[in-house]
PDB file of N, CA and C in Angstrom:
ATOM      1  N   MET A   1      68.956 112.398  54.379  1.00  0.00           N
ATOM      2  CA  MET A   1      70.415 112.769  53.393  1.00  0.00           C
ATOM      3  C   MET A   1      69.878 113.750  52.259  1.00  0.00           C
ATOM      4  N   ALA A   2      68.834 113.450  51.514  1.00  0.00           N
ATOM      5  CA  ALA A   2      68.795 114.483  50.541  1.00  0.00           C
ATOM      6  C   ALA A   2      67.819 115.592  51.007  1.00  0.00           C
ATOM      7  N   GLY A   3      67.165 115.602  51.916  1.00  0.00           N
ATOM      8  CA  GLY A   3      66.581 116.333  51.936  1.00  0.00           C
ATOM      9  C   GLY A   3      67.615 117.821  52.942  1.00  0.00           C
ATOM     10  N   TYR A   4      69.084 116.991  53.401  1.00  0.00           N
ATOM     11  CA  TYR A   4      69.780 118.061  53.767  1.00  0.00           C
ATOM     12  C   TYR A   4      70.200 118.435  52.283  1.00  0.00           C
ATOM     13  N   ALA A   5      70.203 118.181  51.815  1.00  0.00           N
ATOM     14  CA  ALA A   5      70.793 119.184  49.855  1.00  0.00           C
ATOM     15  C   ALA A   5      70.117 120.223  49.610  1.00  0.00           C
ATOM     16  N   GLY A   6      69.532 120.887  49.686  1.00  0.00           N
ATOM     17  CA  GLY A   6      68.904 122.346  49.186  1.00  0.00           C
ATOM     18  C   GLY A   6      69.222 123.035  50.933  1.00  0.00           C
ATOM     19  N   LEU A   7      69.018 123.061  51.743  1.00  0.00           N
ATOM     20  CA  LEU A   7      69.900 123.140  53.319  1.00  0.00           C
ATOM     21  C   LEU A   7      71.617 123.652  52.563  1.00  0.00           C
ATOM     22  N   ALA A   8      71.958 122.340  52.469  1.00  0.00           N
ATOM     23  CA  ALA A   8      73.746 122.740  51.832  1.00  0.00           C
ATOM     24  C   ALA A   8      73.687 123.627  50.963  1.00  0.00           C
ATOM     25  N   ALA A   9      73.029 123.766  50.373  1.00  0.00           N
ATOM     26  CA  ALA A   9      73.311 124.343  48.690  1.00  0.00           C
ATOM     27  C   ALA A   9      72.286 126.038  49.077  1.00  0.00           C
ATOM     28  N   LEU A  10      71.783 126.077  49.698  1.00  0.00           N
ATOM     29  CA  LEU A  10      71.744 127.410  50.785  1.00  0.00           C
ATOM     30  C   LEU A  10      73.271 127.524  51.404  1.00  0.00           C
ATOM     31  N   LEU A  11      73.161 127.154  51.959  1.00  0.00           N
ATOM     32  CA  LEU A  11      74.307 127.584  53.104  1.00  0.00           C
ATOM     33  C   LEU A  11      75.178 128.188  52.573  1.00  0.00           C
ATOM     34  N   LEU A  12      76.008 127.530  51.395  1.00  0.00           N
ATOM     35  CA  LEU A  12      76.846 127.110  50.299  1.00  0.00           C
ATOM     36  C   LEU A  12      76.886 128.994  49.643  1.00  0.00           C
ATOM     37  N   THR A  13      75.755 128.331  49.155  1.00  0.00           N
ATOM     38  CA  THR A  13      75.319 130.272  48.686  1.00  0.00           C
ATOM     39  C   THR A  13      75.864 131.092  49.422  1.00  0.00           C
ATOM     40  N   VAL A  14      74.845 131.173  50.169  1.00  0.00           N
ATOM     41  CA  VAL A  14      75.948 132.346  51.392  1.00  0.00           C
ATOM     42  C   VAL A  14      76.608 132.345  51.542  1.00  0.00           C
ATOM     43  N   ILE A  15      76.898 131.568  51.810  1.00  0.00           N
ATOM     44  CA  ILE A  15      79.032 131.744  52.074  1.00  0.00           C
ATOM     45  C   ILE A  15      79.887 132.485  51.210  1.00  0.00           C
ATOM     46  N   VAL A  16      78.824 131.679  49.616  1.00  0.00           N
ATOM     47  CA  VAL A  16      79.904 132.442  48.387  1.00  0.00           C
ATOM     48  C   VAL A  16      79.606 134.050  49.055  1.00  0.00           C
ATOM     49  N   CYS A  17      78.189 134.172  49.293  1.00  0.00           N
ATOM     50  CA  CYS A  17      78.150 135.578  48.610  1.00  0.00           C
ATOM     51  C   CYS A  17      78.449 136.255  49.829  1.00  0.00           C
ATOM     52  N   VAL A  18      78.811 136.096  51.530  1.00  0.00           N
ATOM     53  CA  VAL A  18      79.748 137.145  51.751  1.00  0.00           C
ATOM     54  C   VAL A  18      81.055 136.874  51.739  1.00  0.00           C
ATOM     55  N   ALA A  19      81.760 135.994  51.466  1.00  0.00           N
ATOM     56  CA  ALA A  19      83.178 136.014  50.794  1.00  0.00           C
ATOM     57  C   ALA A  19      83.382 137.432  49.814  1.00  0.00           C
ATOM     58  N   ALA A  20      81.739 137.197  48.476  1.00  0.00           N
ATOM     59  CA  ALA A  20      82.220 137.814  47.566  1.00  0.00           C
ATOM     60  C   ALA A  20      81.757 139.340  47.855  1.00  0.00           C
ATOM     61  N   ALA A  21      81.573 139.540  48.991  1.00  0.00           N
ATOM     62  CA  ALA A  21      80.855 141.413  49.210  1.00  0.00           C
ATOM     63  C   ALA A  21      82.228 141.456  50.222  1.00  0.00           C
ATOM     64  N   GLN A  22      83.378 140.605  51.001  1.00  0.00           N
ATOM     65  CA  GLN A  22      83.955 140.832  51.233  1.00  0.00           C
ATOM     66  C   GLN A  22      85.308 141.591  50.236  1.00  0.00           C
ATOM     67  N   LEU A  23      85.338 140.576  48.979  1.00  0.00           N
ATOM     68  CA  LEU A  23      86.616 141.089  48.672  1.00  0.00           C
ATOM     69  C   LEU A  23      86.009 141.922  47.377  1.00  0.00           C
ATOM     70  N   VAL A  24      84.978 142.825  47.905  1.00  0.00           N
ATOM     71  CA  VAL A  24      84.423 143.918  46.554  1.00  0.00           C
ATOM     72  C   VAL A  24      84.536 145.102  47.747  1.00  0.00           C
ATOM     73  N   SER A  25      83.851 144.867  48.984  1.00  0.00           N
ATOM     74  CA  SER A  25      84.513 145.644  50.242  1.00  0.00           C
ATOM     75  C   SER A  25      86.083 145.796  50.266  1.00  0.00           C
ATOM     76  N   ARG A  26      87.121 145.679  49.804  1.00  0.00           N
ATOM     77  CA  ARG A  26      88.077 145.454  49.921  1.00  0.00           C
ATOM     78  C   ARG A  26      89.038 146.064  49.428  1.00  0.00           C
ATOM     79  N   SER A  27      88.286 145.589  48.109  1.00  0.00           N
ATOM     80  CA  SER A  27      89.700 145.883  46.601  1.00  0.00           C
ATOM     81  C   SER A  27      88.648 147.376  46.377  1.00  0.00           C
ATOM     82  N   THR A  28      87.386 147.546  47.028  1.00  0.00           N
ATOM     83  CA  THR A  28      87.170 148.903  46.434  1.00  0.00           C
ATOM     84  C   THR A  28      87.248 149.650  47.634  1.00  0.00           C
ATOM     85  N   ALA A  29      87.748 149.860  48.762  1.00  0.00           N
ATOM     86  CA  ALA A  29      87.402 150.458  49.966  1.00  0.00           C
ATOM     87  C   ALA A  29      88.092 152.448  49.433  1.00  0.00           C
ATOM     88  N   VAL A  30      88.221 153.493  49.756  1.00  0.00           N
ATOM     89  CA  VAL A  30      88.425 154.178  49.704  1.00  0.00           C
ATOM     90  C   VAL A  30      89.858 154.182  50.668  1.00  0.00           C
ATOM     91  N   ASP A  31      90.511 155.150  50.571  1.00  0.00           N
ATOM     92  CA  ASP A  31      91.362 155.666  51.319  1.00  0.00           C
ATOM     93  C   ASP A  31      90.730 156.916  52.022  1.00  0.00           C
ATOM     94  N   SER A  32      91.399 156.277  53.090  1.00  0.00           N
ATOM     95  CA  SER A  32      91.319 157.048  54.425  1.00  0.00           C
ATOM     96  C   SER A  32      91.861 158.453  54.639  1.00  0.00           C
ATOM     97  N   LYS A  33      92.696 158.992  53.892  1.00  0.00           N
ATOM     98  CA  LYS A  33      93.684 159.863  53.492  1.00  0.00           C
ATOM     99  C   LYS A  33      92.735 160.935  53.298  1.00  0.00           C
ATOM    100  N   ALA A  34      92.756 162.692  53.040  1.00  0.00           N
ATOM    101  CA  ALA A  34      92.487 163.199  52.938  1.00  0.00           C
ATOM    102  C   ALA A  34      92.506 164.067  51.553  1.00  0.00           C
ATOM    103  N   LEU A  35      92.415 164.539  50.896  1.00  0.00           N
ATOM    104  CA  LEU A  35      92.367 164.752  49.279  1.00  0.00           C
ATOM    105  C   LEU A  35      93.189 165.690  48.571  1.00  0.00           C
ATOM    106  N   LEU A  36      94.654 165.038  48.175  1.00  0.00           N
ATOM    107  CA  LEU A  36      95.342 165.952  48.019  1.00  0.00           C
ATOM    108  C   LEU A  36      94.746 166.886  46.509  1.00  0.00           C
ATOM    109  N   SER A  37      94.283 166.316  45.713  1.00  0.00           N
ATOM    110  CA  SER A  37      93.285 167.593  44.600  1.00  0.00           C
ATOM    111  C   SER A  37      92.674 169.091  45.179  1.00  0.00           C
ATOM    112  N   LEU A  38      92.299 169.904  43.785  1.00  0.00           N
ATOM    113  CA  LEU A  38      91.055 170.532  44.425  1.00  0.00           C
ATOM    114  C   LEU A  38      89.911 169.601  43.712  1.00  0.00           C
ATOM    115  N   PRO A  39      88.387 169.782  44.163  1.00  0.00           N
ATOM    116  CA  PRO A  39      88.099 169.757  43.673  1.00  0.00           C
ATOM    117  C   PRO A  39      87.326 170.110  42.142  1.00  0.00           C
ATOM    118  N   PHE A  40      86.924 169.249  40.791  1.00  0.00           N
ATOM    119  CA  PHE A  40      86.810 170.061  39.264  1.00  0.00           C
ATOM    120  C   PHE A  40      86.415 171.333  39.712  1.00  0.00           C
ATOM    121  N   LEU A  41      85.817 172.258  39.208  1.00  0.00           N
ATOM    122  CA  LEU A  41      85.593 173.456  39.384  1.00  0.00           C
ATOM    123  C   LEU A  41      85.465 173.778  40.185  1.00  0.00           C
ATOM    124  N   SER A  42      85.620 174.068  41.087  1.00  0.00           N
ATOM    125  CA  SER A  42      84.850 174.435  42.641  1.00  0.00           C
ATOM    126  C   SER A  42      86.226 175.392  43.069  1.00  0.00           C
ATOM    127  N   GLY A  43      87.490 175.048  43.402  1.00  0.00           N
ATOM    128  CA  GLY A  43      88.439 176.635  42.920  1.00  0.00           C
ATOM    129  C   GLY A  43      88.969 176.484  44.690  1.00  0.00           C
ATOM    130  N   SER A  44      88.165 175.489  45.665  1.00  0.00           N
ATOM    131  CA  SER A  44      88.379 176.033  46.911  1.00  0.00           C
ATOM    132  C   SER A  44      88.559 174.648  47.391  1.00  0.00           C
ATOM    133  N   MET A  45      89.431 174.375  48.709  1.00  0.00           N
ATOM    134  CA  MET A  45      89.473 172.550  49.013  1.00  0.00           C
ATOM    135  C   MET A  45      89.215 172.170  50.148  1.00  0.00           C
ATOM    136  N   PRO A  46      88.583 171.072  49.287  1.00  0.00           N
ATOM    137  CA  PRO A  46      87.569 170.462  51.198  1.00  0.00           C
ATOM    138  C   PRO A  46      88.254 170.732  52.663  1.00  0.00           C
ATOM    139  N   HIS A  47      87.422 171.010  52.674  1.00  0.00           N
ATOM    140  CA  HIS A  47      87.593 170.923  54.184  1.00  0.00           C
ATOM    141  C   HIS A  47      87.516 169.448  55.577  1.00  0.00           C
ATOM    142  N   GLU A  48      87.240 168.540  54.998  1.00  0.00           N
ATOM    143  CA  GLU A  48      86.930 167.464  55.163  1.00  0.00           C
ATOM    144  C   GLU A  48      86.706 165.853  53.915  1.00  0.00           C
ATOM    145  N   HIS A  49      86.435 164.993  54.566  1.00  0.00           N
ATOM    146  CA  HIS A  49      86.645 163.704  53.739  1.00  0.00           C
ATOM    147  C   HIS A  49      85.618 163.808  53.105  1.00  0.00           C
ATOM    148  N   ALA A  50      85.463 163.498  51.475  1.00  0.00           N
ATOM    149  CA  ALA A  50      84.184 163.270  51.121  1.00  0.00           C
ATOM    150  C   ALA A  50      82.946 162.076  51.822  1.00  0.00           C
ATOM    151  N   LEU A  51      83.498 161.263  52.073  1.00  0.00           N
ATOM    152  CA  LEU A  51      82.770 160.170  52.804  1.00  0.00           C
ATOM    153  C   LEU A  51      82.401 160.253  54.034  1.00  0.00           C
ATOM    154  N   SER A  52      82.239 161.806  54.537  1.00  0.00           N
ATOM    155  CA  SER A  52      82.696 161.808  55.893  1.00  0.00           C
ATOM    156  C   SER A  52      81.487 161.764  56.560  1.00  0.00           C
ATOM    157  N   ARG A  53      80.879 161.398  58.044  1.00  0.00           N
ATOM    158  CA  ARG A  53      79.637 161.089  58.517  1.00  0.00           C
ATOM    159  C   ARG A  53      78.730 162.520  58.458  1.00  0.00           C
ATOM    160  N   PHE A  54      77.827 162.167  58.568  1.00  0.00           N
ATOM    161  CA  PHE A  54      76.520 163.227  59.066  1.00  0.00           C
ATOM    162  C   PHE A  54      76.730 162.747  60.484  1.00  0.00           C
ATOM    163  N   HIS A  55      76.141 164.682  60.790  1.00  0.00           N
ATOM    164  CA  HIS A  55      76.040 164.883  62.219  1.00  0.00           C
ATOM    165  C   HIS A  55      74.613 163.764  63.146  1.00  0.00           C
ATOM    166  N   ALA A  56      74.711 164.139  64.310  1.00  0.00           N
ATOM    167  CA  ALA A  56      73.482 162.902  63.876  1.00  0.00           C
ATOM    168  C   ALA A  56      71.973 164.041  64.334  1.00  0.00           C
ATOM    169  N   ARG A  57      72.587 164.982  64.639  1.00  0.00           N
ATOM    170  CA  ARG A  57      71.242 166.273  65.041  1.00  0.00           C
ATOM    171  C   ARG A  57      70.444 166.038  62.883  1.00  0.00           C
ATOM    172  N   TRP A  58      71.030 165.784  62.299  1.00  0.00           N
ATOM    173  CA  TRP A  58      70.096 165.398  61.012  1.00  0.00           C
ATOM    174  C   TRP A  58      69.046 164.370  61.369  1.00  0.00           C
ATOM    175  N   TYR A  59      69.203 163.212  61.260  1.00  0.00           N
ATOM    176  CA  TYR A  59      68.614 162.210  61.708  1.00  0.00           C
ATOM    177  C   TYR A  59      67.035 162.455  62.332  1.00  0.00           C
ATOM    178  N   PRO A  60      66.886 162.860  63.330  1.00  0.00           N
ATOM    179  CA  PRO A  60      65.307 163.381  63.314  1.00  0.00           C
ATOM    180  C   PRO A  60      64.507 164.041  62.814  1.00  0.00           C
ATOM    181  N   MET A  61      65.026 164.558  62.507  1.00  0.00           N
ATOM    182  CA  MET A  61      64.658 165.841  60.873  1.00  0.00           C
ATOM    183  C   MET A  61      64.223 165.119  59.637  1.00  0.00           C
ATOM    184  N   THR A  62      64.890 164.112  59.593  1.00  0.00           N
ATOM    185  CA  THR A  62      65.794 163.541  58.570  1.00  0.00           C
ATOM    186  C   THR A  62      63.050 162.710  58.212  1.00  0.00           C
ATOM    187  N   LEU A  63      63.722 161.734  59.017  1.00  0.00           N
ATOM    188  CA  LEU A  63      62.252 160.997  60.321  1.00  0.00           C
ATOM    189  C   LEU A  63      61.394 161.578  60.449  1.00  0.00           C
ATOM    190  N   VAL A  64      61.288 163.144  60.253  1.00  0.00           N
ATOM    191  CA  VAL A  64      60.647 163.812  60.712  1.00  0.00           C
ATOM    192  C   VAL A  64      59.622 164.462  58.631  1.00  0.00           C
ATOM    193  N   PHE A  65      60.950 164.161  58.130  1.00  0.00           N
ATOM    194  CA  PHE A  65      60.952 164.846  56.582  1.00  0.00           C
ATOM    195  C   PHE A  65      59.548 163.430  55.854  1.00  0.00           C
ATOM    196  N   LEU A  66      60.366 162.223  56.144  1.00  0.00           N
ATOM    197  CA  LEU A  66      59.871 161.047  55.817  1.00  0.00           C
ATOM    198  C   LEU A  66      58.399 160.841  56.241  1.00  0.00           C
ATOM    199  N   ALA A  67      57.876 161.433  57.669  1.00  0.00           N
ATOM    200  CA  ALA A  67      57.184 160.955  58.115  1.00  0.00           C
ATOM    201  C   ALA A  67      55.810 161.969  56.916  1.00  0.00           C
ATOM    202  N   PHE A  68      56.432 162.931  57.000  1.00  0.00           N
ATOM    203  CA  PHE A  68      54.717 163.842  56.373  1.00  0.00           C
ATOM    204  C   PHE A  68      55.337 163.830  54.593  1.00  0.00           C
ATOM    205  N   ASP A  69      56.151 163.247  54.521  1.00  0.00           N
ATOM    206  CA  ASP A  69      56.671 162.890  52.509  1.00  0.00           C
ATOM    207  C   ASP A  69      55.439 161.024  52.604  1.00  0.00           C
ATOM    208  N   VAL A  70      55.499 159.956  53.472  1.00  0.00           N
ATOM    209  CA  VAL A  70      54.761 159.631  53.250  1.00  0.00           C
ATOM    210  C   VAL A  70      53.228 160.323  53.606  1.00  0.00           C
ATOM    211  N   GLU A  71      52.903 161.181  54.791  1.00  0.00           N
ATOM    212  CA  GLU A  71      51.567 160.850  54.875  1.00  0.00           C
ATOM    213  C   GLU A  71      51.123 161.808  53.510  1.00  0.00           C
ATOM    214  N   MET A  72      51.875 162.165  52.739  1.00  0.00           N
ATOM    215  CA  MET A  72      51.651 163.101  51.532  1.00  0.00           C
ATOM    216  C   MET A  72      50.855 161.809  50.474  1.00  0.00           C
ATOM    217  N   LEU A  73      51.804 160.693  49.971  1.00  0.00           N
ATOM    218  CA  LEU A  73      51.323 158.971  49.643  1.00  0.00           C
ATOM    219  C   LEU A  73      49.462 158.764  50.202  1.00  0.00           C
ATOM    220  N   PHE A  74      49.198 159.023  51.671  1.00  0.00           N
ATOM    221  CA  PHE A  74      48.307 158.510  51.989  1.00  0.00           C
ATOM    222  C   PHE A  74      47.556 159.220  51.613  1.00  0.00           C
ATOM    223  N   MET A  75      47.330 161.158  51.078  1.00  0.00           N
ATOM    224  CA  MET A  75      46.508 162.098  51.167  1.00  0.00           C
ATOM    225  C   MET A  75      45.932 162.392  49.729  1.00  0.00           C
ATOM    226  N   TYR A  76      47.010 161.745  48.368  1.00  0.00           N
ATOM    227  CA  TYR A  76      46.889 161.285  47.559  1.00  0.00           C
ATOM    228  C   TYR A  76      45.422 160.442  47.044  1.00  0.00           C
ATOM    229  N   PRO A  77      45.429 158.873  47.424  1.00  0.00           N
ATOM    230  CA  PRO A  77      44.007 158.185  47.506  1.00  0.00           C
ATOM    231  C   PRO A  77      43.223 158.608  48.009  1.00  0.00           C
ATOM    232  N   TRP A  78      43.412 159.406  49.010  1.00  0.00           N
ATOM    233  CA  TRP A  78      42.205 160.033  49.799  1.00  0.00           C
ATOM    234  C   TRP A  78      41.182 160.930  49.677  1.00  0.00           C
ATOM    235  N   VAL A  79      42.012 161.237  48.794  1.00  0.00           N
ATOM    236  CA  VAL A  79      41.099 163.028  48.188  1.00  0.00           C
ATOM    237  C   VAL A  79      39.670 161.811  46.859  1.00  0.00           C
ATOM    238  N   GLU A  80      40.513 160.669  46.408  1.00  0.00           N
ATOM    239  CA  GLU A  80      39.162 160.063  45.606  1.00  0.00           C
ATOM    240  C   GLU A  80      38.526 159.657  46.435  1.00  0.00           C
ATOM    241  N   VAL A  81      39.019 158.505  47.775  1.00  0.00           N
ATOM    242  CA  VAL A  81      38.756 157.688  48.330  1.00  0.00           C
ATOM    243  C   VAL A  81      37.008 158.885  49.151  1.00  0.00           C
ATOM    244  N   VAL A  82      37.307 160.626  49.653  1.00  0.00           N
ATOM    245  CA  VAL A  82      36.395 160.974  50.712  1.00  0.00           C
ATOM    246  C   VAL A  82      35.448 161.080  49.398  1.00  0.00           C
ATOM    247  N   ALA A  83      34.887 161.392  47.785  1.00  0.00           N
ATOM    248  CA  ALA A  83      33.749 161.318  47.249  1.00  0.00           C
ATOM    249  C   ALA A  83      32.785 160.514  47.502  1.00  0.00           C
ATOM    250  N   THR A  84      33.738 158.906  47.575  1.00  0.00           N
ATOM    251  CA  THR A  84      32.410 158.087  47.667  1.00  0.00           C
ATOM    252  C   THR A  84      31.976 157.812  49.047  1.00  0.00           C
ATOM    253  N   VAL A  85      33.681 157.860  49.939  1.00  0.00           N
ATOM    254  CA  VAL A  85      32.783 157.571  51.774  1.00  0.00           C
ATOM    255  C   VAL A  85      32.038 158.704  52.416  1.00  0.00           C
ATOM    256  N   GLY A  86      32.199 159.922  52.246  1.00  0.00           N
ATOM    257  CA  GLY A  86      32.189 160.316  52.389  1.00  0.00           C
ATOM    258  C   GLY A  86      32.828 161.280  54.240  1.00  0.00           C
ATOM    259  N   LEU A  87      31.855 161.696  55.122  1.00  0.00           N
ATOM    260  CA  LEU A  87      32.478 162.510  56.189  1.00  0.00           C
ATOM    261  C   LEU A  87      33.558 161.722  56.924  1.00  0.00           C
ATOM    262  N   SER A  88      32.966 160.034  57.187  1.00  0.00           N
ATOM    263  CA  SER A  88      34.391 159.297  57.349  1.00  0.00           C
ATOM    264  C   SER A  88      35.454 159.326  57.332  1.00  0.00           C
ATOM    265  N   ALA A  89      35.622 160.304  56.092  1.00  0.00           N
ATOM    266  CA  ALA A  89      37.226 159.542  55.712  1.00  0.00           C
ATOM    267  C   ALA A  89      37.043 161.322  55.758  1.00  0.00           C
ATOM    268  N   VAL A  90      37.256 161.782  56.235  1.00  0.00           N
ATOM    269  CA  VAL A  90      37.581 162.793  56.436  1.00  0.00           C
ATOM    270  C   VAL A  90      37.801 163.736  57.993  1.00  0.00           C
ATOM    271  N   VAL A  91      36.813 162.150  59.113  1.00  0.00           N
ATOM    272  CA  VAL A  91      37.202 161.912  60.468  1.00  0.00           C
ATOM    273  C   VAL A  91      38.603 161.713  60.690  1.00  0.00           C
ATOM    274  N   GLU A  92      38.883 160.954  59.692  1.00  0.00           N
ATOM    275  CA  GLU A  92      39.449 159.408  59.348  1.00  0.00           C
ATOM    276  C   GLU A  92      41.365 160.368  59.241  1.00  0.00           C
ATOM    277  N   MET A  93      40.856 160.941  58.402  1.00  0.00           N
ATOM    278  CA  MET A  93      42.099 161.844  57.530  1.00  0.00           C
ATOM    279  C   MET A  93      42.888 162.968  59.004  1.00  0.00           C
ATOM    280  N   PHE A  94      41.712 163.647  59.311  1.00  0.00           N
ATOM    281  CA  PHE A  94      41.867 165.080  60.152  1.00  0.00           C
ATOM    282  C   PHE A  94      42.827 163.616  61.778  1.00  0.00           C
ATOM    283  N   ILE A  95      42.041 162.509  61.889  1.00  0.00           N
ATOM    284  CA  ILE A  95      42.899 161.462  63.142  1.00  0.00           C
ATOM    285  C   ILE A  95      44.028 161.260  62.595  1.00  0.00           C
ATOM    286  N   PHE A  96      44.973 161.254  61.810  1.00  0.00           N
ATOM    287  CA  PHE A  96      46.006 160.999  60.804  1.00  0.00           C
ATOM    288  C   PHE A  96      46.786 162.253  61.298  1.00  0.00           C
ATOM    289  N   LEU A  97      46.680 162.884  60.732  1.00  0.00           N
ATOM    290  CA  LEU A  97      46.751 164.548  61.100  1.00  0.00           C
ATOM    291  C   LEU A  97      47.104 164.684  62.110  1.00  0.00           C
ATOM    292  N   GLY A  98      46.021 164.345  63.200  1.00  0.00           N
ATOM    293  CA  GLY A  98      46.735 164.730  64.172  1.00  0.00           C
ATOM    294  C   GLY A  98      47.673 164.209  65.350  1.00  0.00           C
ATOM    295  N   VAL A  99      47.700 163.080  64.610  1.00  0.00           N
ATOM    296  CA  VAL A  99      48.500 162.117  65.383  1.00  0.00           C
ATOM    297  C   VAL A  99      50.535 162.759  64.902  1.00  0.00           C
ATOM    298  N   LEU A 100      50.037 162.541  63.667  1.00  0.00           N
ATOM    299  CA  LEU A 100      51.038 163.353  63.515  1.00  0.00           C
ATOM    300  C   LEU A 100      51.247 164.561  63.887  1.00  0.00           C
ATOM    301  N   LEU A 101      50.756 165.027  64.092  1.00  0.00           N
ATOM    302  CA  LEU A 101      51.182 166.754  64.970  1.00  0.00           C
ATOM    303  C   LEU A 101      51.574 166.490  66.294  1.00  0.00           C
ATOM    304  N   ILE A 102      50.642 165.787  67.126  1.00  0.00           N
ATOM    305  CA  ILE A 102      51.813 164.829  68.443  1.00  0.00           C
ATOM    306  C   ILE A 102      52.689 164.661  68.240  1.00  0.00           C
ATOM    307  N   ALA A 103      53.119 163.960  67.279  1.00  0.00           N
ATOM    308  CA  ALA A 103      54.333 163.161  67.063  1.00  0.00           C
ATOM    309  C   ALA A 103      55.656 164.260  66.915  1.00  0.00           C
ATOM    310  N   VAL A 104      55.032 165.806  66.221  1.00  0.00           N
ATOM    311  CA  VAL A 104      55.954 166.501  65.685  1.00  0.00           C
ATOM    312  C   VAL A 104      56.260 167.429  66.881  1.00  0.00           C
ATOM    313  N   VAL A 105      54.971 167.800  68.104  1.00  0.00           N
ATOM    314  CA  VAL A 105      54.860 168.415  68.800  1.00  0.00           C
ATOM    315  C   VAL A 105      56.522 167.466  70.415  1.00  0.00           C
ATOM    316  N   TRP A 106      55.901 166.412  70.170  1.00  0.00           N
ATOM    317  CA  TRP A 106      56.638 165.956  71.167  1.00  0.00           C
ATOM    318  C   TRP A 106      57.756 165.656  70.858  1.00  0.00           C
ATOM    319  N   ALA A 107      58.366 165.571  69.264  1.00  0.00           N
ATOM    320  CA  ALA A 107      59.983 165.762  68.997  1.00  0.00           C
ATOM    321  C   ALA A 107      60.540 167.103  69.580  1.00  0.00           C
ATOM    322  N   TRP A 108      59.550 168.319  69.115  1.00  0.00           N
ATOM    323  CA  TRP A 108      60.014 169.564  70.222  1.00  0.00           C
ATOM    324  C   TRP A 108      60.473 169.599  70.707  1.00  0.00           C
ATOM    325  N   ARG A 109      59.670 169.419  71.652  1.00  0.00           N
ATOM    326  CA  ARG A 109      59.835 169.584  73.364  1.00  0.00           C
ATOM    327  C   ARG A 109      60.746 168.597  74.258  1.00  0.00           C
ATOM    328  N   GLU A 110      60.750 166.965  73.088  1.00  0.00           N
ATOM    329  CA  GLU A 110      61.942 166.216  73.494  1.00  0.00           C
ATOM    330  C   GLU A 110      63.451 167.125  73.221  1.00  0.00           C
ATOM    331  N   GLY A 111      63.155 168.188  72.349  1.00  0.00           N
ATOM    332  CA  GLY A 111      64.766 168.701  71.422  1.00  0.00           C
ATOM    333  C   GLY A 111      65.652 168.048  70.558  1.00  0.00           C
ATOM    334  N   ALA A 112      64.002 167.488  69.713  1.00  0.00           N
ATOM    335  CA  ALA A 112      64.913 166.812  68.472  1.00  0.00           C
ATOM    336  C   ALA A 112      65.346 167.908  67.031  1.00  0.00           C
ATOM    337  N   PHE A 113      64.710 169.151  67.168  1.00  0.00           N
ATOM    338  CA  PHE A 113      65.541 170.407  66.512  1.00  0.00           C
ATOM    339  C   PHE A 113      66.205 171.457  67.142  1.00  0.00           C
ATOM    340  N   ARG A 114      66.828 171.117  67.748  1.00  0.00           N
ATOM    341  CA  ARG A 114      68.309 171.592  68.156  1.00  0.00           C
ATOM    342  C   ARG A 114      69.368 171.615  67.445  1.00  0.00           C
ATOM    343  N   TRP A 115      69.452 172.863  67.298  1.00  0.00           N
ATOM    344  CA  TRP A 115      70.809 172.634  65.759  1.00  0.00           C
ATOM    345  C   TRP A 115      71.855 172.692  66.669  1.00  0.00           C
ATOM    346  N   VAL A 116      71.785 173.400  67.723  1.00  0.00           N
ATOM    347  CA  VAL A 116      73.286 173.433  68.493  1.00  0.00           C
ATOM    348  C   VAL A 116      73.108 172.266  69.136  1.00  0.00           C
TER     349      VAL A 116
END
């Protein structure tokens, strides 16, 4: 029975954390009504609620941006490795860039970058 004390403590901790998250969510919820006052220093009426969702067409572009952003994270240390490894590091980087280019061409052909 003593072996289950840790499991019971973990379960109790999870229940308390979930209940606390629910209470915080309910106490800090944003009203769904539109804003009634002008934004500070803007001078124009808001067209939509401040917490409105983004259109789904932005997500593929965001994923492509993140892919190329992570690619740059790999290219900075690659510059240091090329001096010691040589030609094989250059070939590996061009293979990596080729895979990314194939993914972009595929996304383009699938219509992921159409805005309308």
